[in-house]
Amino acid sequence: MKTLGFIGVGNMAGAMIGGLLRSGQAQPSDIIGSCKTRGGAERAAQRFGIEVTNDNREVARNCRILFLAVKPQFLDVVLDQIRDVVTQDQMVVSIVAGRSIAWMRKALGDRPLHLIRLMPNTPALVGAGMTAACSSEEVTDEEMKRVEEICSTFGLFEIVPERLFDAVTGVSGSSPAYVFMMLEAMADAAVQGGMPRAQAYRFAAQAVLGSAKMLLETGKHPGELKDMVCSPAGTTIEAVRVLEAKGLRSAVMEGTCACIERSARMNSSRNGR
């Protein structure tokens, strides 16, 4: 019996497995995974040194904590395959977008199960992710703590009510795309100013990384940190004036709200509400 099982060994599962192995929280012998293609299974086995099979039922039958890490359109089939294998002694942890705890419980036979839903984001791939978590009532504090330990190997972790998961999608799950757009625009401006593009990307990316680190580590309000950069009649306040005139703050808010609303509509449809 393995400690951890992963149905799906793609990018996000790979970030989790890699974090676990690097941190020493798990050894390759503790993990079993499955992949629907032979080539994918071989690559994952070679990369991590773990056991990988093409049989989802084998994974579900042979682990204590089962991670569901497949694309949403494949989850129905996977749960059909493993429904009679999953037991009440296991934790079932889903990182599948848009599938609620209630939906998963029904798909697994509408019975008491230890179900946890996670929403990580793509910076988990470089150990800097943000993961939201919620659970069914059967999950104990000790079990949730174990999942937190796992998720903390590739970023930060917070327990969030499931009703806020659409907001999590907007502010965390999808937001790396907004940040990449801003980074690209900042670098474009630097290129226009004469800086080589590769160098411009490094300067822009480090500025965003450092700014986020300041916010998290100082606990100061973003407005206060912004004011620290803005000297009277200086260059920064001039840039802030133009960004406000062009509607940066409003555009970010409207885009994030649109993401949240779209997530809510999609999840409502997927979960039968």
C-alpha atoms as a PDB file:
ATOM      1  CA  MET A   1       0.000   0.000   0.000  1.00  0.00           C
ATOM      2  CA  LYS A   2       1.445   3.344  -1.094  1.00  0.00           C
ATOM      3  CA  THR A   3       1.004   6.544   0.887  1.00  0.00           C
ATOM      4  CA  LEU A   4       0.099   8.732  -2.091  1.00  0.00           C
ATOM      5  CA  GLY A   5      -1.616   8.052  -5.383  1.00  0.00           C
ATOM      6  CA  PHE A   6      -2.069  10.379  -8.353  1.00  0.00           C
ATOM      7  CA  ILE A   7      -4.585   9.760 -11.099  1.00  0.00           C
ATOM      8  CA  GLY A   8      -3.046  12.013 -13.704  1.00  0.00           C
ATOM      9  CA  VAL A   9       0.642  12.933 -13.669  1.00  0.00           C
ATOM     10  CA  GLY A  10       0.590  16.112 -15.763  1.00  0.00           C
ATOM     11  CA  ASN A  11       1.959  19.557 -14.951  1.00  0.00           C
ATOM     12  CA  MET A  12       0.113  20.258 -11.706  1.00  0.00           C
ATOM     13  CA  ALA A  13       0.482  16.741 -10.342  1.00  0.00           C
ATOM     14  CA  GLY A  14       4.132  16.933 -11.358  1.00  0.00           C
ATOM     15  CA  ALA A  15       4.539  20.130  -9.322  1.00  0.00           C
ATOM     16  CA  MET A  16       3.067  18.354  -6.301  1.00  0.00           C
ATOM     17  CA  ILE A  17       5.149  15.217  -6.705  1.00  0.00           C
ATOM     18  CA  GLY A  18       8.298  17.236  -7.290  1.00  0.00           C
ATOM     19  CA  GLY A  19       7.651  19.355  -4.200  1.00  0.00           C
ATOM     20  CA  LEU A  20       7.064  16.282  -2.062  1.00  0.00           C
ATOM     21  CA  LEU A  21      10.265  14.599  -3.228  1.00  0.00           C
ATOM     22  CA  ARG A  22      12.418  17.728  -2.907  1.00  0.00           C
ATOM     23  CA  SER A  23      11.145  18.407   0.613  1.00  0.00           C
ATOM     24  CA  GLY A  24      11.737  14.846   1.737  1.00  0.00           C
ATOM     25  CA  GLN A  25       8.102  14.458   2.793  1.00  0.00           C
ATOM     26  CA  ALA A  26       7.846  11.479   0.480  1.00  0.00           C
ATOM     27  CA  GLN A  27      10.164   9.051  -1.270  1.00  0.00           C
ATOM     28  CA  PRO A  28       9.565   7.709  -4.789  1.00  0.00           C
ATOM     29  CA  SER A  29       8.595   4.367  -3.250  1.00  0.00           C
ATOM     30  CA  ASP A  30       5.718   6.105  -1.403  1.00  0.00           C
ATOM     31  CA  ILE A  31       3.987   7.255  -4.599  1.00  0.00           C
ATOM     32  CA  ILE A  32       2.017   5.566  -7.356  1.00  0.00           C
ATOM     33  CA  GLY A  33       0.561   7.377 -10.362  1.00  0.00           C
ATOM     34  CA  SER A  34      -1.457   6.669 -13.466  1.00  0.00           C
ATOM     35  CA  CYS A  35      -1.433   8.106 -16.965  1.00  0.00           C
ATOM     36  CA  LYS A  36      -3.710   7.193 -19.844  1.00  0.00           C
ATOM     37  CA  THR A  37      -0.840   7.031 -22.349  1.00  0.00           C
ATOM     38  CA  ARG A  38       2.130   4.678 -22.238  1.00  0.00           C
ATOM     39  CA  GLY A  39       4.515   7.466 -23.196  1.00  0.00           C
ATOM     40  CA  GLY A  40       3.263   9.764 -20.434  1.00  0.00           C
ATOM     41  CA  ALA A  41       3.586   6.985 -17.886  1.00  0.00           C
ATOM     42  CA  GLU A  42       7.142   6.245 -18.951  1.00  0.00           C
ATOM     43  CA  ARG A  43       8.140   9.930 -18.794  1.00  0.00           C
ATOM     44  CA  ALA A  44       6.692  10.368 -15.303  1.00  0.00           C
ATOM     45  CA  ALA A  45       8.356   7.183 -14.061  1.00  0.00           C
ATOM     46  CA  GLN A  46      11.704   8.313 -15.437  1.00  0.00           C
ATOM     47  CA  ARG A  47      11.380  11.875 -14.142  1.00  0.00           C
ATOM     48  CA  PHE A  48      10.357  11.045 -10.574  1.00  0.00           C
ATOM     49  CA  GLY A  49      11.378   7.416 -10.097  1.00  0.00           C
ATOM     50  CA  ILE A  50       7.830   6.513  -9.024  1.00  0.00           C
ATOM     51  CA  GLU A  51       5.638   3.597 -10.029  1.00  0.00           C
ATOM     52  CA  VAL A  52       3.320   4.604 -12.880  1.00  0.00           C
ATOM     53  CA  THR A  53       0.567   2.518 -14.441  1.00  0.00           C
ATOM     54  CA  ASN A  54      -2.158   2.960 -17.044  1.00  0.00           C
ATOM     55  CA  ASP A  55      -4.748   1.531 -14.622  1.00  0.00           C
ATOM     56  CA  ASN A  56      -6.629   4.146 -12.541  1.00  0.00           C
ATOM     57  CA  ARG A  57      -8.230   1.437 -10.424  1.00  0.00           C
ATOM     58  CA  GLU A  58      -4.823   0.112  -9.430  1.00  0.00           C
ATOM     59  CA  VAL A  59      -3.851   3.555  -8.130  1.00  0.00           C
ATOM     60  CA  ALA A  60      -7.114   4.042  -6.234  1.00  0.00           C
ATOM     61  CA  ARG A  61      -6.854   0.581  -4.704  1.00  0.00           C
ATOM     62  CA  ASN A  62      -3.256   0.986  -3.542  1.00  0.00           C
ATOM     63  CA  CYS A  63      -2.920   4.350  -1.753  1.00  0.00           C
ATOM     64  CA  ARG A  64      -4.047   6.062   1.426  1.00  0.00           C
ATOM     65  CA  ILE A  65      -4.345   9.571  -0.063  1.00  0.00           C
ATOM     66  CA  LEU A  66      -5.703   9.684  -3.606  1.00  0.00           C
ATOM     67  CA  PHE A  67      -5.192  12.802  -5.721  1.00  0.00           C
ATOM     68  CA  LEU A  68      -7.452  13.372  -8.709  1.00  0.00           C
ATOM     69  CA  ALA A  69      -5.405  15.437 -11.156  1.00  0.00           C
ATOM     70  CA  VAL A  70      -7.149  15.039 -14.507  1.00  0.00           C
ATOM     71  CA  LYS A  71      -8.858  17.553 -16.772  1.00  0.00           C
ATOM     72  CA  PRO A  72     -12.531  18.229 -15.904  1.00  0.00           C
ATOM     73  CA  GLN A  73     -13.816  16.550 -19.061  1.00  0.00           C
ATOM     74  CA  PHE A  74     -12.205  13.246 -17.998  1.00  0.00           C
ATOM     75  CA  LEU A  75     -13.276  13.240 -14.353  1.00  0.00           C
ATOM     76  CA  ASP A  76     -16.662  11.596 -14.917  1.00  0.00           C
ATOM     77  CA  VAL A  77     -15.040   8.602 -16.591  1.00  0.00           C
ATOM     78  CA  VAL A  78     -12.352   8.333 -13.909  1.00  0.00           C
ATOM     79  CA  LEU A  79     -14.869   8.371 -11.065  1.00  0.00           C
ATOM     80  CA  ASP A  80     -16.960   5.735 -12.833  1.00  0.00           C
ATOM     81  CA  GLN A  81     -13.862   3.552 -12.974  1.00  0.00           C
ATOM     82  CA  ILE A  82     -12.883   3.913  -9.309  1.00  0.00           C
ATOM     83  CA  ARG A  83     -16.267   4.283  -7.574  1.00  0.00           C
ATOM     84  CA  ASP A  84     -16.318   0.760  -6.177  1.00  0.00           C
ATOM     85  CA  VAL A  85     -12.607   0.854  -5.242  1.00  0.00           C
ATOM     86  CA  VAL A  86     -12.481   4.035  -3.138  1.00  0.00           C
ATOM     87  CA  THR A  87     -13.082   3.392   0.579  1.00  0.00           C
ATOM     88  CA  GLN A  88     -14.049   5.443   3.600  1.00  0.00           C
ATOM     89  CA  ASP A  89     -10.541   4.913   5.012  1.00  0.00           C
ATOM     90  CA  GLN A  90      -8.987   6.982   2.231  1.00  0.00           C
ATOM     91  CA  MET A  91      -8.701  10.697   1.619  1.00  0.00           C
ATOM     92  CA  VAL A  92      -9.747  11.702  -1.895  1.00  0.00           C
ATOM     93  CA  VAL A  93      -8.202  15.022  -2.890  1.00  0.00           C
ATOM     94  CA  SER A  94      -9.318  16.699  -6.119  1.00  0.00           C
ATOM     95  CA  ILE A  95      -7.459  19.450  -7.944  1.00  0.00           C
ATOM     96  CA  VAL A  96      -9.980  19.305 -10.798  1.00  0.00           C
ATOM     97  CA  ALA A  97     -11.391  22.751 -11.576  1.00  0.00           C
ATOM     98  CA  GLY A  98     -15.098  23.363 -11.254  1.00  0.00           C
ATOM     99  CA  ARG A  99     -16.206  20.182  -9.502  1.00  0.00           C
ATOM    100  CA  SER A 100     -17.772  20.680  -6.089  1.00  0.00           C
ATOM    101  CA  ILE A 101     -17.508  18.464  -3.021  1.00  0.00           C
ATOM    102  CA  ALA A 102     -21.210  17.631  -3.346  1.00  0.00           C
ATOM    103  CA  TRP A 103     -20.797  16.677  -7.001  1.00  0.00           C
ATOM    104  CA  MET A 104     -17.846  14.421  -6.239  1.00  0.00           C
ATOM    105  CA  ARG A 105     -19.676  12.739  -3.376  1.00  0.00           C
ATOM    106  CA  LYS A 106     -22.635  11.954  -5.633  1.00  0.00           C
ATOM    107  CA  ALA A 107     -20.363  10.684  -8.407  1.00  0.00           C
ATOM    108  CA  LEU A 108     -18.643   8.350  -5.928  1.00  0.00           C
ATOM    109  CA  GLY A 109     -21.864   6.729  -4.736  1.00  0.00           C
ATOM    110  CA  ASP A 110     -23.387   9.362  -2.438  1.00  0.00           C
ATOM    111  CA  ARG A 111     -21.806   7.971   0.729  1.00  0.00           C
ATOM    112  CA  PRO A 112     -19.637   9.294   3.562  1.00  0.00           C
ATOM    113  CA  LEU A 113     -16.145   9.929   2.199  1.00  0.00           C
ATOM    114  CA  HIS A 114     -13.167  12.046   3.214  1.00  0.00           C
ATOM    115  CA  LEU A 115     -13.205  14.527   0.319  1.00  0.00           C
ATOM    116  CA  ILE A 116     -10.941  17.542  -0.117  1.00  0.00           C
ATOM    117  CA  ARG A 117     -11.066  20.043  -2.954  1.00  0.00           C
ATOM    118  CA  LEU A 118      -7.984  22.064  -3.868  1.00  0.00           C
ATOM    119  CA  MET A 119      -7.403  24.937  -6.244  1.00  0.00           C
ATOM    120  CA  PRO A 120      -3.695  25.517  -6.871  1.00  0.00           C
ATOM    121  CA  ASN A 121      -2.369  27.874  -9.535  1.00  0.00           C
ATOM    122  CA  THR A 122       0.358  27.511 -12.151  1.00  0.00           C
ATOM    123  CA  PRO A 123       3.182  29.169 -10.128  1.00  0.00           C
ATOM    124  CA  ALA A 124       3.135  25.878  -8.191  1.00  0.00           C
ATOM    125  CA  LEU A 125       5.258  24.638 -11.095  1.00  0.00           C
ATOM    126  CA  VAL A 126       8.150  26.752  -9.748  1.00  0.00           C
ATOM    127  CA  GLY A 127       7.370  26.223  -6.047  1.00  0.00           C
ATOM    128  CA  ALA A 128       5.543  29.544  -5.658  1.00  0.00           C
ATOM    129  CA  GLY A 129       1.906  28.486  -5.906  1.00  0.00           C
ATOM    130  CA  MET A 130      -1.160  29.548  -3.967  1.00  0.00           C
ATOM    131  CA  THR A 131      -3.567  26.754  -3.047  1.00  0.00           C
ATOM    132  CA  ALA A 132      -7.090  27.120  -1.680  1.00  0.00           C
ATOM    133  CA  ALA A 133      -8.700  24.159   0.102  1.00  0.00           C
ATOM    134  CA  CYS A 134     -12.106  23.092   1.384  1.00  0.00           C
ATOM    135  CA  SER A 135     -13.375  19.734   2.580  1.00  0.00           C
ATOM    136  CA  SER A 136     -16.319  17.535   3.403  1.00  0.00           C
ATOM    137  CA  GLU A 137     -17.449  17.250   7.013  1.00  0.00           C
ATOM    138  CA  GLU A 138     -15.786  13.834   7.355  1.00  0.00           C
ATOM    139  CA  VAL A 139     -12.277  15.283   7.010  1.00  0.00           C
ATOM    140  CA  THR A 140     -10.474  15.680  10.312  1.00  0.00           C
ATOM    141  CA  ASP A 141      -8.167  18.525  11.327  1.00  0.00           C
ATOM    142  CA  GLU A 142      -5.269  16.074  11.237  1.00  0.00           C
ATOM    143  CA  GLU A 143      -6.107  15.046   7.671  1.00  0.00           C
ATOM    144  CA  MET A 144      -6.373  18.644   6.521  1.00  0.00           C
ATOM    145  CA  LYS A 145      -3.060  19.384   8.209  1.00  0.00           C
ATOM    146  CA  ARG A 146      -1.459  16.583   6.208  1.00  0.00           C
ATOM    147  CA  VAL A 147      -2.798  18.036   2.964  1.00  0.00           C
ATOM    148  CA  GLU A 148      -1.490  21.464   4.006  1.00  0.00           C
ATOM    149  CA  GLU A 149       1.967  19.953   4.571  1.00  0.00           C
ATOM    150  CA  ILE A 150       1.863  18.483   1.070  1.00  0.00           C
ATOM    151  CA  CYS A 151       0.709  21.711  -0.572  1.00  0.00           C
ATOM    152  CA  SER A 152       3.228  23.794   1.338  1.00  0.00           C
ATOM    153  CA  THR A 153       6.007  22.014  -0.543  1.00  0.00           C
ATOM    154  CA  PHE A 154       5.090  24.014  -3.662  1.00  0.00           C
ATOM    155  CA  GLY A 155       3.737  27.304  -2.255  1.00  0.00           C
ATOM    156  CA  LEU A 156       1.267  28.827   0.184  1.00  0.00           C
ATOM    157  CA  PHE A 157      -1.943  27.196   1.431  1.00  0.00           C
ATOM    158  CA  GLU A 158      -5.195  28.518   2.887  1.00  0.00           C
ATOM    159  CA  ILE A 159      -8.524  26.959   3.852  1.00  0.00           C
ATOM    160  CA  VAL A 160     -11.355  28.824   2.107  1.00  0.00           C
ATOM    161  CA  PRO A 161     -15.126  28.220   2.209  1.00  0.00           C
ATOM    162  CA  GLU A 162     -16.220  26.467  -0.961  1.00  0.00           C
ATOM    163  CA  ARG A 163     -18.647  29.308  -1.721  1.00  0.00           C
ATOM    164  CA  LEU A 164     -15.580  31.525  -2.325  1.00  0.00           C
ATOM    165  CA  PHE A 165     -13.892  29.231  -4.834  1.00  0.00           C
ATOM    166  CA  ASP A 166     -15.137  31.305  -7.773  1.00  0.00           C
ATOM    167  CA  ALA A 167     -13.451  34.333  -6.187  1.00  0.00           C
ATOM    168  CA  VAL A 168     -10.303  32.244  -5.735  1.00  0.00           C
ATOM    169  CA  THR A 169     -10.417  31.516  -9.473  1.00  0.00           C
ATOM    170  CA  GLY A 170     -10.446  35.230 -10.264  1.00  0.00           C
ATOM    171  CA  VAL A 171      -7.831  36.438  -7.799  1.00  0.00           C
ATOM    172  CA  SER A 172      -5.468  33.437  -7.889  1.00  0.00           C
ATOM    173  CA  GLY A 173      -6.298  30.629 -10.308  1.00  0.00           C
ATOM    174  CA  SER A 174      -6.539  32.787 -13.436  1.00  0.00           C
ATOM    175  CA  SER A 175      -4.619  35.860 -12.293  1.00  0.00           C
ATOM    176  CA  PRO A 176      -1.136  34.726 -13.380  1.00  0.00           C
ATOM    177  CA  ALA A 177      -2.358  35.430 -16.922  1.00  0.00           C
ATOM    178  CA  TYR A 178      -3.119  39.055 -15.980  1.00  0.00           C
ATOM    179  CA  VAL A 179       0.310  39.415 -14.395  1.00  0.00           C
ATOM    180  CA  PHE A 180       2.022  37.992 -17.475  1.00  0.00           C
ATOM    181  CA  MET A 181       0.149  40.520 -19.625  1.00  0.00           C
ATOM    182  CA  MET A 182       1.370  43.338 -17.390  1.00  0.00           C
ATOM    183  CA  LEU A 183       4.936  41.991 -17.448  1.00  0.00           C
ATOM    184  CA  GLU A 184       4.861  41.831 -21.235  1.00  0.00           C
ATOM    185  CA  ALA A 185       3.591  45.402 -21.466  1.00  0.00           C
ATOM    186  CA  MET A 186       6.238  46.674 -19.024  1.00  0.00           C
ATOM    187  CA  ALA A 187       8.971  44.922 -20.992  1.00  0.00           C
ATOM    188  CA  ASP A 188       7.622  46.305 -24.274  1.00  0.00           C
ATOM    189  CA  ALA A 189       7.955  49.807 -22.861  1.00  0.00           C
ATOM    190  CA  ALA A 190      11.519  49.127 -21.752  1.00  0.00           C
ATOM    191  CA  VAL A 191      12.336  47.778 -25.221  1.00  0.00           C
ATOM    192  CA  GLN A 192      10.944  50.967 -26.692  1.00  0.00           C
ATOM    193  CA  GLY A 193      13.282  52.802 -24.345  1.00  0.00           C
ATOM    194  CA  GLY A 194      16.261  50.896 -25.772  1.00  0.00           C
ATOM    195  CA  MET A 195      16.650  47.894 -23.431  1.00  0.00           C
ATOM    196  CA  PRO A 196      17.220  44.417 -24.925  1.00  0.00           C
ATOM    197  CA  ARG A 197      14.085  42.310 -24.570  1.00  0.00           C
ATOM    198  CA  ALA A 198      15.555  39.485 -22.494  1.00  0.00           C
ATOM    199  CA  GLN A 199      16.950  42.019 -20.055  1.00  0.00           C
ATOM    200  CA  ALA A 200      13.626  43.875 -19.986  1.00  0.00           C
ATOM    201  CA  TYR A 201      11.802  40.679 -19.005  1.00  0.00           C
ATOM    202  CA  ARG A 202      14.262  40.057 -16.164  1.00  0.00           C
ATOM    203  CA  PHE A 203      13.881  43.577 -14.766  1.00  0.00           C
ATOM    204  CA  ALA A 204      10.076  43.496 -15.040  1.00  0.00           C
ATOM    205  CA  ALA A 205       9.740  40.012 -13.560  1.00  0.00           C
ATOM    206  CA  GLN A 206      12.036  40.724 -10.634  1.00  0.00           C
ATOM    207  CA  ALA A 207      10.167  43.954  -9.891  1.00  0.00           C
ATOM    208  CA  VAL A 208       6.859  42.077  -9.697  1.00  0.00           C
ATOM    209  CA  LEU A 209       8.394  39.229  -7.677  1.00  0.00           C
ATOM    210  CA  GLY A 210       9.984  41.650  -5.214  1.00  0.00           C
ATOM    211  CA  SER A 211       6.820  43.740  -4.898  1.00  0.00           C
ATOM    212  CA  ALA A 212       4.723  40.679  -4.084  1.00  0.00           C
ATOM    213  CA  LYS A 213       7.332  39.571  -1.546  1.00  0.00           C
ATOM    214  CA  MET A 214       7.228  43.007   0.126  1.00  0.00           C
ATOM    215  CA  LEU A 215       3.441  42.839   0.426  1.00  0.00           C
ATOM    216  CA  LEU A 216       3.467  39.353   1.948  1.00  0.00           C
ATOM    217  CA  GLU A 217       6.381  39.901   4.314  1.00  0.00           C
ATOM    218  CA  THR A 218       5.659  43.449   5.557  1.00  0.00           C
ATOM    219  CA  GLY A 219       1.878  43.055   5.889  1.00  0.00           C
ATOM    220  CA  LYS A 220       1.517  46.668   4.749  1.00  0.00           C
ATOM    221  CA  HIS A 221      -1.412  47.892   2.666  1.00  0.00           C
ATOM    222  CA  PRO A 222      -0.634  47.956  -1.081  1.00  0.00           C
ATOM    223  CA  GLY A 223      -1.461  51.660  -1.142  1.00  0.00           C
ATOM    224  CA  GLU A 224       1.128  52.350   1.540  1.00  0.00           C
ATOM    225  CA  LEU A 225       3.780  50.438  -0.372  1.00  0.00           C
ATOM    226  CA  LYS A 226       2.858  52.325  -3.544  1.00  0.00           C
ATOM    227  CA  ASP A 227       3.215  55.638  -1.705  1.00  0.00           C
ATOM    228  CA  MET A 228       6.705  54.651  -0.575  1.00  0.00           C
ATOM    229  CA  VAL A 229       7.810  54.646  -4.226  1.00  0.00           C
ATOM    230  CA  CYS A 230       6.090  57.892  -5.223  1.00  0.00           C
ATOM    231  CA  SER A 231       8.332  60.932  -4.613  1.00  0.00           C
ATOM    232  CA  PRO A 232       6.768  64.401  -4.949  1.00  0.00           C
ATOM    233  CA  ALA A 233       6.809  65.549  -8.595  1.00  0.00           C
ATOM    234  CA  GLY A 234       8.777  62.398  -9.466  1.00  0.00           C
ATOM    235  CA  THR A 235       8.711  59.806 -12.207  1.00  0.00           C
ATOM    236  CA  THR A 236       6.624  57.211 -10.365  1.00  0.00           C
ATOM    237  CA  ILE A 237       3.718  59.480  -9.493  1.00  0.00           C
ATOM    238  CA  GLU A 238       3.649  60.607 -13.128  1.00  0.00           C
ATOM    239  CA  ALA A 239       3.335  56.975 -14.207  1.00  0.00           C
ATOM    240  CA  VAL A 240       0.614  56.416 -11.577  1.00  0.00           C
ATOM    241  CA  ARG A 241      -1.282  59.458 -12.885  1.00  0.00           C
ATOM    242  CA  VAL A 242      -1.267  58.084 -16.436  1.00  0.00           C
ATOM    243  CA  LEU A 243      -2.199  54.554 -15.328  1.00  0.00           C
ATOM    244  CA  GLU A 244      -5.159  55.925 -13.353  1.00  0.00           C
ATOM    245  CA  ALA A 245      -6.229  58.040 -16.339  1.00  0.00           C
ATOM    246  CA  LYS A 246      -6.037  54.986 -18.605  1.00  0.00           C
ATOM    247  CA  GLY A 247      -8.156  52.959 -16.185  1.00  0.00           C
ATOM    248  CA  LEU A 248      -5.647  50.338 -15.007  1.00  0.00           C
ATOM    249  CA  ARG A 249      -7.333  49.809 -11.648  1.00  0.00           C
ATOM    250  CA  SER A 250     -10.792  49.594 -13.203  1.00  0.00           C
ATOM    251  CA  ALA A 251      -9.619  47.272 -15.971  1.00  0.00           C
ATOM    252  CA  VAL A 252      -8.063  44.852 -13.468  1.00  0.00           C
ATOM    253  CA  MET A 253     -11.169  44.886 -11.281  1.00  0.00           C
ATOM    254  CA  GLU A 254     -13.540  44.418 -14.213  1.00  0.00           C
ATOM    255  CA  GLY A 255     -11.442  41.618 -15.692  1.00  0.00           C
ATOM    256  CA  THR A 256     -11.220  39.797 -12.368  1.00  0.00           C
ATOM    257  CA  CYS A 257     -14.960  40.197 -11.755  1.00  0.00           C
ATOM    258  CA  ALA A 258     -15.689  38.856 -15.249  1.00  0.00           C
ATOM    259  CA  CYS A 259     -13.507  35.833 -14.469  1.00  0.00           C
ATOM    260  CA  ILE A 260     -15.350  35.221 -11.185  1.00  0.00           C
ATOM    261  CA  GLU A 261     -18.752  35.503 -12.871  1.00  0.00           C
ATOM    262  CA  ARG A 262     -17.725  33.173 -15.682  1.00  0.00           C
ATOM    263  CA  SER A 263     -16.417  30.652 -13.163  1.00  0.00           C
ATOM    264  CA  ALA A 264     -19.705  30.776 -11.258  1.00  0.00           C
ATOM    265  CA  ARG A 265     -21.734  30.149 -14.424  1.00  0.00           C
ATOM    266  CA  MET A 266     -19.523  27.268 -15.524  1.00  0.00           C
ATOM    267  CA  ASN A 267     -19.501  25.646 -12.102  1.00  0.00           C
ATOM    268  CA  SER A 268     -23.249  25.994 -11.767  1.00  0.00           C
ATOM    269  CA  SER A 269     -23.682  24.177 -15.064  1.00  0.00           C
ATOM    270  CA  ARG A 270     -21.132  21.452 -14.244  1.00  0.00           C
ATOM    271  CA  ASN A 271     -22.464  20.788 -10.759  1.00  0.00           C
ATOM    272  CA  GLY A 272     -26.123  20.682 -11.777  1.00  0.00           C
ATOM    273  CA  ARG A 273     -27.234  23.853 -10.017  1.00  0.00           C
END
